[in-house]
Amino acid sequence: MNKTELIDAVAAASKDAGIKKTDVATILDSLTNVIQDEVAKGEKIQITGFGSFERKERGARVVKNPRTGEDINVGPSKSPSFSAGSVFKEKVNK
């Protein structure tokens, strides 16, 4: 499912509440922007039953070039991480 299909599905599920696709798109964009901004600042976002978003930090390390076998030094980096909540995990494992 891509973003457009997600917007369509949420709008269809919210039809009784009178929520339009344009409103869903605006809310989805706002939600993803807030999550990205907060995680980039190092904040953790927890949505009970769904999961949590946070920034993980990786230290510097040495890796091998698979073609040449040469060692390459990779500097420290930060990356986003998502951990599914228990309700989400249970639903996926049904």
Protein backbone atom coordinates (compact mmCIF):
# COMPACT_ATOMS: atom_id res chain seq x y z
CA MET A 1 0.00 0.00 0.00
CA ASN A 2 1.39 3.38 -0.95
CA LYS A 3 0.58 6.80 0.53
CA THR A 4 -2.34 7.48 -1.83
CA GLU A 5 -3.89 4.09 -1.10
CA LEU A 6 -3.44 4.68 2.64
CA ILE A 7 -5.21 8.04 2.38
CA ASP A 8 -8.06 6.41 0.44
CA ALA A 9 -8.38 3.61 3.02
CA VAL A 10 -8.41 5.99 6.01
CA ALA A 11 -10.94 8.27 4.30
CA ALA A 12 -13.16 5.25 3.54
CA ALA A 13 -12.88 4.03 7.14
CA SER A 14 -13.77 7.54 8.36
CA LYS A 15 -16.65 8.07 5.92
CA ASP A 16 -19.26 8.09 8.70
CA ALA A 17 -17.38 10.90 10.45
CA GLY A 18 -17.43 12.99 7.26
CA ILE A 19 -13.68 13.22 6.93
CA LYS A 20 -12.53 14.05 3.38
CA LYS A 21 -9.49 12.66 1.58
CA THR A 22 -7.89 16.11 1.58
CA ASP A 23 -8.24 16.29 5.36
CA VAL A 24 -6.72 12.83 5.77
CA ALA A 25 -3.82 13.81 3.49
CA THR A 26 -3.18 16.98 5.51
CA ILE A 27 -3.27 15.09 8.82
CA LEU A 28 -1.00 12.31 7.49
CA ASP A 29 1.53 14.87 6.22
CA SER A 30 1.44 16.73 9.54
CA LEU A 31 1.83 13.50 11.51
CA THR A 32 4.83 12.30 9.52
CA ASN A 33 6.46 15.76 9.69
CA VAL A 34 6.10 15.91 13.48
CA ILE A 35 7.45 12.36 13.89
CA GLN A 36 10.44 13.14 11.64
CA ASP A 37 11.20 16.44 13.39
CA GLU A 38 10.98 15.00 16.90
CA VAL A 39 13.01 11.88 16.13
CA ALA A 40 15.64 14.04 14.40
CA LYS A 41 15.92 16.04 17.65
CA GLY A 42 16.47 12.81 19.58
CA GLU A 43 12.98 12.58 21.07
CA LYS A 44 11.12 9.27 21.33
CA ILE A 45 7.50 9.12 20.17
CA GLN A 46 5.32 6.39 21.67
CA ILE A 47 1.86 5.57 20.36
CA THR A 48 0.34 3.13 22.84
CA GLY A 49 -0.67 -0.13 21.18
CA PHE A 50 0.99 0.82 17.90
CA GLY A 51 4.68 1.33 18.57
CA SER A 52 7.47 3.80 19.14
CA PHE A 53 9.76 5.84 16.93
CA GLU A 54 13.23 6.83 18.08
CA ARG A 55 16.71 7.73 16.91
CA LYS A 56 19.43 5.10 17.24
CA GLU A 57 23.11 5.94 17.14
CA ARG A 58 25.74 3.69 15.62
CA GLY A 59 29.37 4.01 16.50
CA ALA A 60 32.25 4.13 14.06
CA ARG A 61 33.17 0.76 12.64
CA VAL A 62 35.29 -0.98 10.04
CA VAL A 63 33.57 -2.86 7.21
CA LYS A 64 34.92 -4.83 4.26
CA ASN A 65 34.42 -3.91 0.64
CA PRO A 66 32.79 -7.09 -0.78
CA ARG A 67 34.52 -6.69 -4.16
CA THR A 68 38.07 -6.06 -2.98
CA GLY A 69 38.07 -7.28 0.61
CA GLU A 70 39.59 -3.92 1.57
CA ASP A 71 38.77 -2.49 5.01
CA ILE A 72 36.71 0.71 4.98
CA ASN A 73 36.27 3.00 7.97
CA VAL A 74 32.66 4.10 8.43
CA GLY A 75 32.02 7.02 10.74
CA PRO A 76 29.33 7.20 13.41
CA SER A 77 25.77 7.70 12.19
CA LYS A 78 22.21 8.17 13.41
CA SER A 79 19.18 6.39 12.01
CA PRO A 80 15.45 6.25 12.73
CA SER A 81 14.06 3.13 14.39
CA PHE A 82 10.53 1.79 14.84
CA SER A 83 9.53 -0.81 17.43
CA ALA A 84 6.07 -2.31 17.12
CA GLY A 85 3.85 -2.29 20.20
CA SER A 86 2.29 -5.39 21.72
CA VAL A 87 -1.19 -4.82 20.25
CA PHE A 88 0.31 -4.35 16.77
CA LYS A 89 2.45 -7.49 17.15
CA GLU A 90 -0.55 -9.54 18.30
CA LYS A 91 -2.62 -8.38 15.34
CA VAL A 92 0.15 -9.28 12.87
CA ASN A 93 0.59 -12.74 14.45
CA LYS A 94 -3.09 -13.72 14.32
